[in-house]
């Protein structure tokens, strides 16, 4: 469908206004938010990530595309709220301290919202204590952290350690992801789940939430 191609192109072109226009048009035509994201905008942001890795674009362009994606995510979330969609949980998500890459995190936020999760996106370069403070403030169910560099992975361990130290570890479901992150790393630091990609993260979070509610 042409609208999906245009959606992806708007993200690659770093055109937030155009992306918002296409999102609004798609919603008005009755296209489900999930389809708009997974068939249109997300392929666009994935392509941006690939271009960045190949040195075809640089950090300023990466950030502008991410900002366009965040604008679209906000529109999708507002649409779901206006439609009285059932909220299945609340998540706090961000990229750990020292890491300014957030392509993967932006995709996760979008998919979480499209699947009925309310998301507080803390953005990039987030200090460990900020995750916990915000999660307590909004009574979150989930804390998700992304690390795109091996040098910043330690921030995920620091979060797990601090939660245990403050007696809050059982209060939240913790999910870790990012290019250098593995299932082994998640087990080692004590996280509840490792998200291999955005869709995997959504599926695992929804499963963990269901398990928690059934107890």
N, C-alpha and C. Protein backbone atom coordinates (compact mmCIF):
# COMPACT_ATOMS: atom_id res chain seq x y z
N UNK A 1 0.84 -1.20 0.00
CA UNK A 1 0.00 0.00 0.00
C UNK A 1 0.88 1.25 0.00
N UNK A 2 0.51 2.22 -0.82
CA UNK A 2 1.34 3.41 -0.99
C UNK A 2 1.55 4.17 0.32
N UNK A 3 0.55 4.21 1.18
CA UNK A 3 0.68 5.00 2.40
C UNK A 3 1.78 4.44 3.29
N UNK A 4 1.98 3.13 3.27
CA UNK A 4 3.05 2.54 4.07
C UNK A 4 4.41 2.97 3.53
N UNK A 5 4.54 2.98 2.21
CA UNK A 5 5.80 3.42 1.59
C UNK A 5 6.08 4.89 1.92
N UNK A 6 5.05 5.71 1.87
CA UNK A 6 5.21 7.13 2.19
C UNK A 6 5.56 7.33 3.66
N UNK A 7 4.99 6.49 4.51
CA UNK A 7 5.28 6.59 5.95
C UNK A 7 6.76 6.32 6.20
N UNK A 8 7.26 5.24 5.62
CA UNK A 8 8.67 4.92 5.80
C UNK A 8 9.58 6.00 5.23
N UNK A 9 9.22 6.52 4.07
CA UNK A 9 10.03 7.56 3.42
C UNK A 9 10.09 8.82 4.27
N UNK A 10 8.99 9.16 4.94
CA UNK A 10 8.98 10.37 5.77
C UNK A 10 9.98 10.29 6.91
N UNK A 11 10.18 9.07 7.44
CA UNK A 11 11.16 8.89 8.52
C UNK A 11 12.57 8.97 7.97
N UNK A 12 12.80 8.32 6.81
CA UNK A 12 14.12 8.38 6.19
C UNK A 12 14.47 9.82 5.81
N UNK A 13 13.45 10.58 5.39
CA UNK A 13 13.66 11.98 5.00
C UNK A 13 13.74 12.93 6.19
N UNK A 14 13.59 12.38 7.41
CA UNK A 14 13.67 13.18 8.64
C UNK A 14 12.59 14.27 8.70
N UNK A 15 11.44 14.00 8.10
CA UNK A 15 10.37 14.99 7.96
C UNK A 15 9.26 14.70 8.97
N UNK A 16 9.39 15.25 10.17
CA UNK A 16 8.42 15.01 11.22
C UNK A 16 7.02 15.48 10.87
N UNK A 17 6.94 16.64 10.20
CA UNK A 17 5.63 17.18 9.83
C UNK A 17 4.94 16.26 8.82
N UNK A 18 5.69 15.77 7.86
CA UNK A 18 5.13 14.86 6.85
C UNK A 18 4.72 13.54 7.49
N UNK A 19 5.55 13.05 8.39
CA UNK A 19 5.24 11.79 9.08
C UNK A 19 3.93 11.92 9.86
N UNK A 20 3.76 13.05 10.54
CA UNK A 20 2.53 13.28 11.31
C UNK A 20 1.32 13.37 10.38
N UNK A 21 1.51 14.02 9.23
CA UNK A 21 0.43 14.15 8.26
C UNK A 21 0.00 12.77 7.75
N UNK A 22 0.97 11.92 7.43
CA UNK A 22 0.67 10.59 6.92
C UNK A 22 0.01 9.74 8.00
N UNK A 23 0.49 9.86 9.23
CA UNK A 23 -0.11 9.11 10.34
C UNK A 23 -1.57 9.50 10.51
N UNK A 24 -1.84 10.82 10.46
CA UNK A 24 -3.21 11.30 10.61
C UNK A 24 -4.10 10.80 9.49
N UNK A 25 -3.58 10.80 8.27
CA UNK A 25 -4.35 10.33 7.12
C UNK A 25 -4.66 8.84 7.24
N UNK A 26 -3.65 8.07 7.66
CA UNK A 26 -3.84 6.64 7.80
C UNK A 26 -4.87 6.29 8.86
N UNK A 27 -4.82 6.99 9.98
CA UNK A 27 -5.78 6.75 11.05
C UNK A 27 -7.19 7.14 10.59
N UNK A 28 -7.28 8.25 9.85
CA UNK A 28 -8.59 8.70 9.35
C UNK A 28 -9.19 7.69 8.37
N UNK A 29 -8.33 6.97 7.67
CA UNK A 29 -8.80 5.96 6.72
C UNK A 29 -9.12 4.63 7.39
N UNK A 30 -8.91 4.59 8.71
CA UNK A 30 -9.24 3.38 9.46
C UNK A 30 -8.15 2.33 9.49
N UNK A 31 -6.94 2.70 9.11
CA UNK A 31 -5.83 1.74 9.17
C UNK A 31 -5.42 1.58 10.63
N UNK A 32 -5.33 0.36 11.14
CA UNK A 32 -4.96 0.14 12.54
C UNK A 32 -3.58 0.73 12.86
N UNK A 33 -3.41 1.35 14.02
CA UNK A 33 -2.11 1.92 14.40
C UNK A 33 -0.97 0.91 14.30
N UNK A 34 -1.25 -0.33 14.68
CA UNK A 34 -0.20 -1.36 14.64
C UNK A 34 0.29 -1.57 13.21
N UNK A 35 -0.64 -1.59 12.25
CA UNK A 35 -0.26 -1.77 10.85
C UNK A 35 0.53 -0.57 10.33
N UNK A 36 0.10 0.62 10.71
CA UNK A 36 0.82 1.82 10.28
C UNK A 36 2.26 1.78 10.77
N UNK A 37 2.44 1.32 12.00
CA UNK A 37 3.79 1.28 12.58
C UNK A 37 4.63 0.17 11.95
N UNK A 38 4.10 -1.07 11.96
CA UNK A 38 4.92 -2.21 11.55
C UNK A 38 5.14 -2.30 10.05
N UNK A 39 4.20 -1.77 9.26
CA UNK A 39 4.34 -1.85 7.79
C UNK A 39 4.86 -0.56 7.17
N UNK A 40 4.83 0.53 7.94
CA UNK A 40 5.22 1.82 7.39
C UNK A 40 6.37 2.49 8.10
N UNK A 41 6.09 3.02 9.29
CA UNK A 41 7.08 3.84 9.97
C UNK A 41 8.28 3.04 10.49
N UNK A 42 8.04 1.86 11.02
CA UNK A 42 9.15 1.08 11.58
C UNK A 42 10.14 0.64 10.50
N UNK A 43 9.69 0.15 9.33
CA UNK A 43 10.67 -0.14 8.28
C UNK A 43 11.51 1.09 7.91
N UNK A 44 10.90 2.27 8.02
CA UNK A 44 11.63 3.50 7.74
C UNK A 44 12.74 3.74 8.75
N UNK A 45 12.43 3.58 10.03
CA UNK A 45 13.44 3.84 11.06
C UNK A 45 14.51 2.76 11.05
N UNK A 46 14.14 1.54 10.66
CA UNK A 46 15.13 0.46 10.52
C UNK A 46 16.11 0.82 9.41
N UNK A 47 15.61 1.35 8.31
CA UNK A 47 16.48 1.75 7.20
C UNK A 47 17.42 2.87 7.64
N UNK A 48 16.90 3.80 8.44
CA UNK A 48 17.75 4.88 8.95
C UNK A 48 18.90 4.30 9.78
N UNK A 49 18.59 3.32 10.62
CA UNK A 49 19.63 2.68 11.42
C UNK A 49 20.68 2.01 10.56
N UNK A 50 20.25 1.38 9.49
CA UNK A 50 21.19 0.74 8.57
C UNK A 50 22.07 1.77 7.87
N UNK A 51 21.47 2.89 7.45
CA UNK A 51 22.24 3.95 6.80
C UNK A 51 23.29 4.53 7.75
N UNK A 52 22.92 4.67 9.01
CA UNK A 52 23.84 5.20 10.01
C UNK A 52 25.01 4.25 10.22
N UNK A 53 24.71 2.95 10.31
CA UNK A 53 25.76 1.96 10.52
C UNK A 53 26.73 1.91 9.35
N UNK A 54 26.23 2.20 8.14
CA UNK A 54 27.10 2.18 6.96
C UNK A 54 27.80 3.51 6.72
N UNK A 55 27.57 4.48 7.59
CA UNK A 55 28.22 5.77 7.44
C UNK A 55 27.62 6.65 6.37
N UNK A 56 26.39 6.32 5.94
CA UNK A 56 25.72 7.11 4.90
C UNK A 56 25.05 8.36 5.48
N UNK A 57 24.66 8.28 6.75
CA UNK A 57 24.15 9.45 7.45
C UNK A 57 24.88 9.55 8.78
N UNK A 58 24.75 10.69 9.46
CA UNK A 58 25.48 10.89 10.70
C UNK A 58 24.53 11.21 11.86
N UNK A 59 25.09 11.40 13.04
CA UNK A 59 24.28 11.52 14.26
C UNK A 59 23.19 12.58 14.18
N UNK A 60 23.44 13.78 13.64
CA UNK A 60 22.35 14.77 13.56
C UNK A 60 21.15 14.27 12.76
N UNK A 61 21.42 13.57 11.64
CA UNK A 61 20.32 13.01 10.84
C UNK A 61 19.62 11.89 11.59
N UNK A 62 20.39 11.08 12.28
CA UNK A 62 19.83 10.00 13.08
C UNK A 62 18.87 10.55 14.13
N UNK A 63 19.28 11.60 14.80
CA UNK A 63 18.46 12.21 15.85
C UNK A 63 17.18 12.78 15.26
N UNK A 64 17.28 13.45 14.10
CA UNK A 64 16.08 14.04 13.48
C UNK A 64 15.09 12.98 13.06
N UNK A 65 15.58 11.86 12.56
CA UNK A 65 14.68 10.76 12.19
C UNK A 65 14.03 10.17 13.44
N UNK A 66 14.80 10.07 14.51
CA UNK A 66 14.25 9.55 15.77
C UNK A 66 13.17 10.48 16.31
N UNK A 67 13.39 11.78 16.17
CA UNK A 67 12.40 12.75 16.64
C UNK A 67 11.11 12.64 15.82
N UNK A 68 11.25 12.41 14.51
CA UNK A 68 10.08 12.22 13.67
C UNK A 68 9.32 10.97 14.10
N UNK A 69 10.05 9.92 14.43
CA UNK A 69 9.44 8.68 14.88
C UNK A 69 8.72 8.87 16.21
N UNK A 70 9.32 9.65 17.10
CA UNK A 70 8.70 9.91 18.39
C UNK A 70 7.40 10.69 18.24
N UNK A 71 7.38 11.61 17.28
CA UNK A 71 6.16 12.39 17.02
C UNK A 71 5.03 11.46 16.56
N UNK A 72 5.37 10.55 15.67
CA UNK A 72 4.37 9.59 15.17
C UNK A 72 3.89 8.68 16.30
N UNK A 73 4.82 8.24 17.14
CA UNK A 73 4.45 7.38 18.27
C UNK A 73 3.45 8.07 19.18
N UNK A 74 3.67 9.37 19.39
CA UNK A 74 2.75 10.13 20.23
C UNK A 74 1.36 10.18 19.64
N UNK A 75 1.28 10.34 18.33
CA UNK A 75 -0.01 10.36 17.65
C UNK A 75 -0.71 9.01 17.75
N UNK A 76 0.05 7.94 17.60
CA UNK A 76 -0.53 6.60 17.71
C UNK A 76 -1.07 6.37 19.11
N UNK A 77 -0.30 6.79 20.10
CA UNK A 77 -0.71 6.60 21.49
C UNK A 77 -1.97 7.39 21.78
N UNK A 78 -2.04 8.64 21.26
CA UNK A 78 -3.23 9.46 21.46
C UNK A 78 -4.44 8.83 20.80
N UNK A 79 -4.23 8.22 19.64
CA UNK A 79 -5.32 7.56 18.93
C UNK A 79 -5.86 6.37 19.72
N UNK A 80 -4.94 5.61 20.29
CA UNK A 80 -5.36 4.46 21.08
C UNK A 80 -6.13 4.90 22.32
N UNK A 81 -5.67 5.99 22.95
CA UNK A 81 -6.35 6.50 24.14
C UNK A 81 -7.74 7.02 23.79
N UNK A 82 -7.83 7.73 22.66
CA UNK A 82 -9.11 8.29 22.24
C UNK A 82 -10.11 7.19 21.92
N UNK A 83 -9.57 6.05 21.48
CA UNK A 83 -10.45 4.93 21.14
C UNK A 83 -10.79 4.06 22.32
N UNK A 84 -10.41 4.53 23.52
CA UNK A 84 -10.67 3.79 24.75
C UNK A 84 -10.08 2.39 24.71
N UNK A 85 -8.90 2.27 24.13
CA UNK A 85 -8.25 0.97 24.08
C UNK A 85 -7.91 0.52 25.50
N UNK A 86 -7.96 -0.78 25.71
CA UNK A 86 -7.65 -1.32 27.03
C UNK A 86 -6.15 -1.19 27.28
N UNK A 87 -5.79 -0.60 28.39
CA UNK A 87 -4.38 -0.47 28.74
C UNK A 87 -3.95 -1.73 29.49
N UNK A 88 -2.97 -2.42 28.94
CA UNK A 88 -2.57 -3.69 29.54
C UNK A 88 -1.43 -3.51 30.54
N UNK A 89 -0.80 -2.34 30.56
CA UNK A 89 0.28 -2.11 31.50
C UNK A 89 0.96 -0.78 31.22
N UNK A 90 1.90 -0.43 32.09
CA UNK A 90 2.62 0.83 31.97
C UNK A 90 4.12 0.57 32.00
N UNK A 91 4.85 1.19 31.09
CA UNK A 91 6.29 0.95 31.00
C UNK A 91 7.07 2.25 31.02
N UNK A 92 8.24 2.18 31.65
CA UNK A 92 9.22 3.26 31.60
C UNK A 92 10.38 2.73 30.77
N UNK A 93 10.76 3.46 29.73
CA UNK A 93 11.78 2.99 28.81
C UNK A 93 12.80 4.11 28.54
N UNK A 94 14.05 3.73 28.39
CA UNK A 94 15.07 4.71 28.05
C UNK A 94 16.38 4.05 27.68
N UNK A 95 17.28 4.83 27.12
CA UNK A 95 18.63 4.38 26.81
C UNK A 95 19.53 4.76 27.98
N UNK A 96 20.37 3.84 28.41
CA UNK A 96 21.13 4.02 29.64
C UNK A 96 22.14 5.17 29.57
N UNK A 97 22.61 5.55 30.74
CA UNK A 97 23.57 6.65 30.87
C UNK A 97 24.79 6.44 29.98
N UNK A 98 25.17 7.51 29.27
CA UNK A 98 26.35 7.47 28.43
C UNK A 98 26.09 7.03 27.01
N UNK A 99 24.83 6.66 26.71
CA UNK A 99 24.49 6.14 25.39
C UNK A 99 23.45 7.05 24.73
N UNK A 100 23.78 7.60 23.56
CA UNK A 100 22.86 8.53 22.90
C UNK A 100 22.17 7.91 21.69
N UNK A 101 22.35 6.61 21.48
CA UNK A 101 21.69 5.94 20.36
C UNK A 101 20.30 5.49 20.81
N UNK A 102 19.29 5.75 19.98
CA UNK A 102 17.95 5.34 20.43
C UNK A 102 17.03 4.85 19.33
N UNK A 103 17.58 4.42 18.21
CA UNK A 103 16.75 3.90 17.13
C UNK A 103 15.94 2.69 17.61
N UNK A 104 16.62 1.71 18.19
CA UNK A 104 15.93 0.52 18.66
C UNK A 104 14.91 0.83 19.73
N UNK A 105 15.27 1.72 20.62
CA UNK A 105 14.35 2.10 21.70
C UNK A 105 13.11 2.76 21.16
N UNK A 106 13.26 3.59 20.14
CA UNK A 106 12.11 4.27 19.55
C UNK A 106 11.14 3.27 18.91
N UNK A 107 11.69 2.23 18.30
CA UNK A 107 10.84 1.20 17.71
C UNK A 107 10.08 0.45 18.80
N UNK A 108 10.78 0.11 19.87
CA UNK A 108 10.13 -0.59 20.98
C UNK A 108 8.99 0.24 21.56
N UNK A 109 9.24 1.52 21.77
CA UNK A 109 8.20 2.41 22.30
C UNK A 109 6.97 2.38 21.40
N UNK A 110 7.20 2.49 20.11
CA UNK A 110 6.09 2.50 19.16
C UNK A 110 5.28 1.22 19.22
N UNK A 111 5.96 0.08 19.26
CA UNK A 111 5.25 -1.19 19.29
C UNK A 111 4.55 -1.43 20.62
N UNK A 112 5.17 -1.00 21.70
CA UNK A 112 4.51 -1.11 23.01
C UNK A 112 3.19 -0.35 23.00
N UNK A 113 3.24 0.87 22.51
CA UNK A 113 2.04 1.70 22.48
C UNK A 113 0.97 1.09 21.58
N UNK A 114 1.39 0.54 20.45
CA UNK A 114 0.44 -0.07 19.52
C UNK A 114 -0.21 -1.33 20.10
N UNK A 115 0.40 -1.88 21.14
CA UNK A 115 -0.14 -3.09 21.77
C UNK A 115 -0.78 -2.81 23.13
N UNK A 116 -1.16 -1.56 23.36
CA UNK A 116 -1.94 -1.24 24.55
C UNK A 116 -1.15 -0.90 25.80
N UNK A 117 0.15 -0.70 25.67
CA UNK A 117 0.97 -0.32 26.82
C UNK A 117 1.15 1.20 26.85
N UNK A 118 0.93 1.78 28.01
CA UNK A 118 1.23 3.20 28.19
C UNK A 118 2.73 3.30 28.43
N UNK A 119 3.39 4.20 27.72
CA UNK A 119 4.85 4.26 27.78
C UNK A 119 5.33 5.66 28.16
N UNK A 120 6.23 5.70 29.12
CA UNK A 120 6.94 6.93 29.45
C UNK A 120 8.35 6.77 28.89
N UNK A 121 8.65 7.51 27.84
CA UNK A 121 9.95 7.42 27.17
C UNK A 121 10.88 8.47 27.78
N UNK A 122 11.88 8.00 28.51
CA UNK A 122 12.82 8.92 29.16
C UNK A 122 13.90 9.42 28.22
N UNK A 123 13.96 8.86 27.01
CA UNK A 123 14.92 9.35 26.03
C UNK A 123 16.28 8.69 26.13
N UNK A 124 17.30 9.48 25.79
CA UNK A 124 18.67 8.97 25.74
C UNK A 124 19.46 9.41 26.97
N UNK A 125 20.57 8.67 27.22
CA UNK A 125 21.54 9.07 28.25
C UNK A 125 20.86 9.26 29.61
N UNK A 126 20.12 8.25 30.06
CA UNK A 126 19.31 8.35 31.28
C UNK A 126 20.06 7.78 32.48
N UNK A 127 20.26 8.58 33.55
CA UNK A 127 20.90 8.07 34.77
C UNK A 127 20.07 6.95 35.39
N UNK A 128 20.72 6.01 36.02
CA UNK A 128 20.04 4.84 36.58
C UNK A 128 18.91 5.21 37.53
N UNK A 129 19.16 6.17 38.42
CA UNK A 129 18.15 6.50 39.42
C UNK A 129 16.89 7.09 38.79
N UNK A 130 17.02 7.69 37.61
CA UNK A 130 15.86 8.30 36.94
C UNK A 130 14.84 7.24 36.53
N UNK A 131 15.34 6.07 36.10
CA UNK A 131 14.43 4.98 35.74
C UNK A 131 13.54 4.61 36.93
N UNK A 132 14.18 4.46 38.08
CA UNK A 132 13.44 4.04 39.27
C UNK A 132 12.50 5.13 39.77
N UNK A 133 12.99 6.36 39.78
CA UNK A 133 12.15 7.47 40.24
C UNK A 133 10.88 7.60 39.40
N UNK A 134 11.03 7.53 38.08
CA UNK A 134 9.87 7.67 37.20
C UNK A 134 8.94 6.46 37.31
N UNK A 135 9.52 5.27 37.43
CA UNK A 135 8.70 4.06 37.56
C UNK A 135 7.84 4.11 38.83
N UNK A 136 8.42 4.60 39.92
CA UNK A 136 7.66 4.74 41.16
C UNK A 136 6.60 5.83 41.03
N UNK A 137 6.97 6.91 40.38
CA UNK A 137 6.06 8.05 40.23
C UNK A 137 4.79 7.67 39.48
N UNK A 138 4.93 6.88 38.40
CA UNK A 138 3.76 6.56 37.59
C UNK A 138 3.23 5.15 37.85
N UNK A 139 3.80 4.50 38.87
CA UNK A 139 3.38 3.14 39.24
C UNK A 139 3.50 2.20 38.03
N UNK A 140 4.66 2.19 37.42
CA UNK A 140 4.90 1.39 36.22
C UNK A 140 4.96 -0.10 36.54
N UNK A 141 4.65 -0.90 35.55
CA UNK A 141 4.79 -2.35 35.65
C UNK A 141 6.15 -2.80 35.13
N UNK A 142 6.67 -2.06 34.16
CA UNK A 142 7.85 -2.49 33.41
C UNK A 142 8.90 -1.38 33.38
N UNK A 143 10.17 -1.78 33.50
CA UNK A 143 11.29 -0.87 33.23
C UNK A 143 12.11 -1.51 32.11
N UNK A 144 12.20 -0.81 30.99
CA UNK A 144 12.98 -1.32 29.86
C UNK A 144 14.19 -0.45 29.60
N UNK A 145 15.35 -1.07 29.47
CA UNK A 145 16.58 -0.30 29.21
C UNK A 145 17.25 -0.79 27.93
N UNK A 146 17.77 0.17 27.18
CA UNK A 146 18.48 -0.14 25.95
C UNK A 146 19.93 0.33 26.07
N UNK A 147 20.84 -0.50 25.58
CA UNK A 147 22.26 -0.13 25.52
C UNK A 147 22.78 -0.54 24.15
N UNK A 148 23.33 0.41 23.43
CA UNK A 148 23.82 0.14 22.07
C UNK A 148 25.33 0.01 22.01
N UNK A 149 26.00 0.22 23.14
CA UNK A 149 27.46 0.13 23.17
C UNK A 149 27.89 -0.82 24.28
N UNK A 150 28.94 -1.56 24.05
CA UNK A 150 29.45 -2.45 25.09
C UNK A 150 29.91 -1.66 26.31
N UNK A 151 30.32 -0.43 26.09
CA UNK A 151 30.80 0.40 27.20
C UNK A 151 29.68 0.92 28.09
N UNK A 152 28.43 0.84 27.63
CA UNK A 152 27.31 1.34 28.44
C UNK A 152 26.43 0.22 28.99
N UNK A 153 26.72 -1.03 28.64
CA UNK A 153 25.93 -2.16 29.12
C UNK A 153 25.84 -2.20 30.64
N UNK A 154 26.90 -1.74 31.29
CA UNK A 154 26.97 -1.80 32.75
C UNK A 154 25.81 -1.05 33.39
N UNK A 155 25.25 -0.07 32.67
CA UNK A 155 24.11 0.68 33.21
C UNK A 155 22.92 -0.23 33.48
N UNK A 156 22.76 -1.27 32.70
CA UNK A 156 21.66 -2.21 32.92
C UNK A 156 21.88 -3.01 34.20
N UNK A 157 23.12 -3.40 34.44
CA UNK A 157 23.44 -4.11 35.68
C UNK A 157 23.26 -3.20 36.89
N UNK A 158 23.66 -1.94 36.74
CA UNK A 158 23.51 -0.98 37.84
C UNK A 158 22.04 -0.82 38.23
N UNK A 159 21.16 -0.85 37.25
CA UNK A 159 19.72 -0.74 37.54
C UNK A 159 19.25 -1.94 38.35
N UNK A 160 19.62 -3.14 37.93
CA UNK A 160 19.22 -4.34 38.66
C UNK A 160 19.76 -4.31 40.08
N UNK A 161 21.02 -3.91 40.23
CA UNK A 161 21.65 -3.85 41.56
C UNK A 161 20.95 -2.83 42.45
N UNK A 162 20.61 -1.67 41.89
CA UNK A 162 19.97 -0.62 42.68
C UNK A 162 18.55 -1.02 43.08
N UNK A 163 17.84 -1.69 42.19
CA UNK A 163 16.49 -2.16 42.53
C UNK A 163 16.55 -3.15 43.70
N UNK A 164 17.51 -4.05 43.64
CA UNK A 164 17.65 -5.02 44.74
C UNK A 164 18.04 -4.32 46.03
N UNK A 165 18.95 -3.37 45.93
CA UNK A 165 19.41 -2.65 47.11
C UNK A 165 18.28 -1.90 47.79
N UNK A 166 17.36 -1.35 47.00
CA UNK A 166 16.25 -0.56 47.55
C UNK A 166 15.01 -1.40 47.83
N UNK A 167 15.12 -2.72 47.66
CA UNK A 167 14.00 -3.60 47.95
C UNK A 167 12.86 -3.48 46.96
N UNK A 168 13.17 -3.10 45.73
CA UNK A 168 12.13 -2.86 44.72
C UNK A 168 12.18 -3.85 43.56
N UNK A 169 13.08 -4.82 43.64
CA UNK A 169 13.29 -5.69 42.48
C UNK A 169 12.03 -6.44 42.06
N UNK A 170 11.22 -6.88 43.01
CA UNK A 170 10.03 -7.66 42.67
C UNK A 170 8.86 -6.78 42.23
N UNK A 171 9.01 -5.48 42.38
CA UNK A 171 7.92 -4.57 42.03
C UNK A 171 7.79 -4.38 40.52
N UNK A 172 8.91 -4.50 39.81
CA UNK A 172 8.91 -4.21 38.37
C UNK A 172 9.38 -5.40 37.54
N UNK A 173 8.85 -5.49 36.34
CA UNK A 173 9.37 -6.41 35.32
C UNK A 173 10.46 -5.65 34.58
N UNK A 174 11.66 -6.21 34.51
CA UNK A 174 12.75 -5.53 33.83
C UNK A 174 13.10 -6.24 32.52
N UNK A 175 13.27 -5.43 31.48
CA UNK A 175 13.58 -5.94 30.15
C UNK A 175 14.80 -5.20 29.62
N UNK A 176 15.74 -5.95 29.06
CA UNK A 176 16.95 -5.33 28.52
C UNK A 176 17.09 -5.65 27.04
N UNK A 177 17.66 -4.72 26.29
CA UNK A 177 17.86 -4.93 24.86
C UNK A 177 18.95 -4.03 24.34
N UNK A 178 19.25 -4.19 23.05
CA UNK A 178 20.31 -3.41 22.42
C UNK A 178 21.26 -4.32 21.67
N UNK A 179 22.00 -3.74 20.75
CA UNK A 179 22.87 -4.52 19.86
C UNK A 179 23.83 -5.48 20.57
N UNK A 180 24.53 -5.06 21.65
CA UNK A 180 25.48 -5.98 22.28
C UNK A 180 24.87 -6.90 23.34
N UNK A 181 23.57 -6.74 23.59
CA UNK A 181 22.93 -7.47 24.68
C UNK A 181 22.54 -8.88 24.25
N UNK A 182 22.68 -9.83 25.17
CA UNK A 182 22.37 -11.24 24.89
C UNK A 182 21.51 -11.80 26.02
N UNK A 183 20.94 -12.97 25.74
CA UNK A 183 20.17 -13.69 26.76
C UNK A 183 21.07 -13.99 27.97
N UNK A 184 22.30 -14.35 27.70
CA UNK A 184 23.25 -14.67 28.78
C UNK A 184 23.48 -13.45 29.68
N UNK A 185 23.62 -12.29 29.06
CA UNK A 185 23.81 -11.06 29.84
C UNK A 185 22.60 -10.78 30.71
N UNK A 186 21.41 -10.95 30.16
CA UNK A 186 20.18 -10.71 30.92
C UNK A 186 20.12 -11.62 32.14
N UNK A 187 20.45 -12.89 31.94
CA UNK A 187 20.44 -13.84 33.08
C UNK A 187 21.50 -13.46 34.10
N UNK A 188 22.65 -13.06 33.61
CA UNK A 188 23.76 -12.74 34.51
C UNK A 188 23.42 -11.57 35.44
N UNK A 189 22.78 -10.55 34.92
CA UNK A 189 22.48 -9.38 35.75
C UNK A 189 21.16 -9.52 36.51
N UNK A 190 20.35 -10.52 36.14
CA UNK A 190 19.10 -10.75 36.85
C UNK A 190 17.88 -10.07 36.27
N UNK A 191 17.95 -9.70 34.99
CA UNK A 191 16.78 -9.09 34.34
C UNK A 191 15.72 -10.16 34.08
N UNK A 192 14.47 -9.73 33.98
CA UNK A 192 13.38 -10.68 33.73
C UNK A 192 13.35 -11.16 32.29
N UNK A 193 13.77 -10.32 31.36
CA UNK A 193 13.68 -10.72 29.96
C UNK A 193 14.72 -10.00 29.10
N UNK A 194 15.11 -10.69 28.04
CA UNK A 194 15.98 -10.12 27.02
C UNK A 194 15.16 -9.97 25.76
N UNK A 195 15.15 -8.76 25.18
CA UNK A 195 14.42 -8.51 23.94
C UNK A 195 15.40 -8.54 22.78
N UNK A 196 15.30 -9.59 21.96
CA UNK A 196 16.19 -9.71 20.80
C UNK A 196 15.90 -8.61 19.78
N UNK A 197 14.62 -8.25 19.66
CA UNK A 197 14.19 -7.16 18.81
C UNK A 197 12.90 -6.59 19.36
N UNK A 198 12.33 -5.60 18.70
CA UNK A 198 11.15 -4.93 19.24
C UNK A 198 9.96 -5.86 19.38
N UNK A 199 9.71 -6.68 18.37
CA UNK A 199 8.56 -7.59 18.42
C UNK A 199 8.76 -8.63 19.52
N UNK A 200 9.97 -9.14 19.64
CA UNK A 200 10.28 -10.11 20.70
C UNK A 200 10.06 -9.47 22.07
N UNK A 201 10.45 -8.21 22.21
CA UNK A 201 10.26 -7.50 23.47
C UNK A 201 8.80 -7.36 23.83
N UNK A 202 7.98 -7.00 22.85
CA UNK A 202 6.54 -6.86 23.08
C UNK A 202 5.95 -8.20 23.53
N UNK A 203 6.27 -9.26 22.81
CA UNK A 203 5.71 -10.58 23.14
C UNK A 203 6.10 -11.03 24.54
N UNK A 204 7.35 -10.82 24.91
CA UNK A 204 7.81 -11.25 26.23
C UNK A 204 7.18 -10.42 27.34
N UNK A 205 7.06 -9.12 27.11
CA UNK A 205 6.45 -8.25 28.12
C UNK A 205 4.98 -8.61 28.33
N UNK A 206 4.26 -8.81 27.25
CA UNK A 206 2.85 -9.17 27.36
C UNK A 206 2.68 -10.50 28.09
N UNK A 207 3.57 -11.46 27.81
CA UNK A 207 3.53 -12.75 28.47
C UNK A 207 3.82 -12.62 29.97
N UNK A 208 4.82 -11.82 30.31
CA UNK A 208 5.19 -11.62 31.72
C UNK A 208 4.07 -10.90 32.48
N UNK A 209 3.44 -9.93 31.83
CA UNK A 209 2.33 -9.23 32.46
C UNK A 209 1.17 -10.18 32.73
N UNK A 210 0.90 -11.06 31.79
CA UNK A 210 -0.19 -12.03 31.94
C UNK A 210 0.12 -13.00 33.09
N UNK A 211 1.37 -13.42 33.17
CA UNK A 211 1.79 -14.32 34.25
C UNK A 211 1.62 -13.63 35.60
N UNK A 212 2.00 -12.36 35.67
CA UNK A 212 1.92 -11.63 36.93
C UNK A 212 0.47 -11.46 37.36
N UNK A 213 -0.41 -11.18 36.41
CA UNK A 213 -1.83 -10.98 36.74
C UNK A 213 -2.52 -12.26 37.17
N UNK A 214 -2.00 -13.41 36.69
CA UNK A 214 -2.63 -14.68 37.01
C UNK A 214 -2.22 -15.22 38.37
N UNK A 215 -1.24 -14.58 38.98
CA UNK A 215 -0.76 -15.06 40.30
C UNK A 215 -1.72 -14.62 41.41
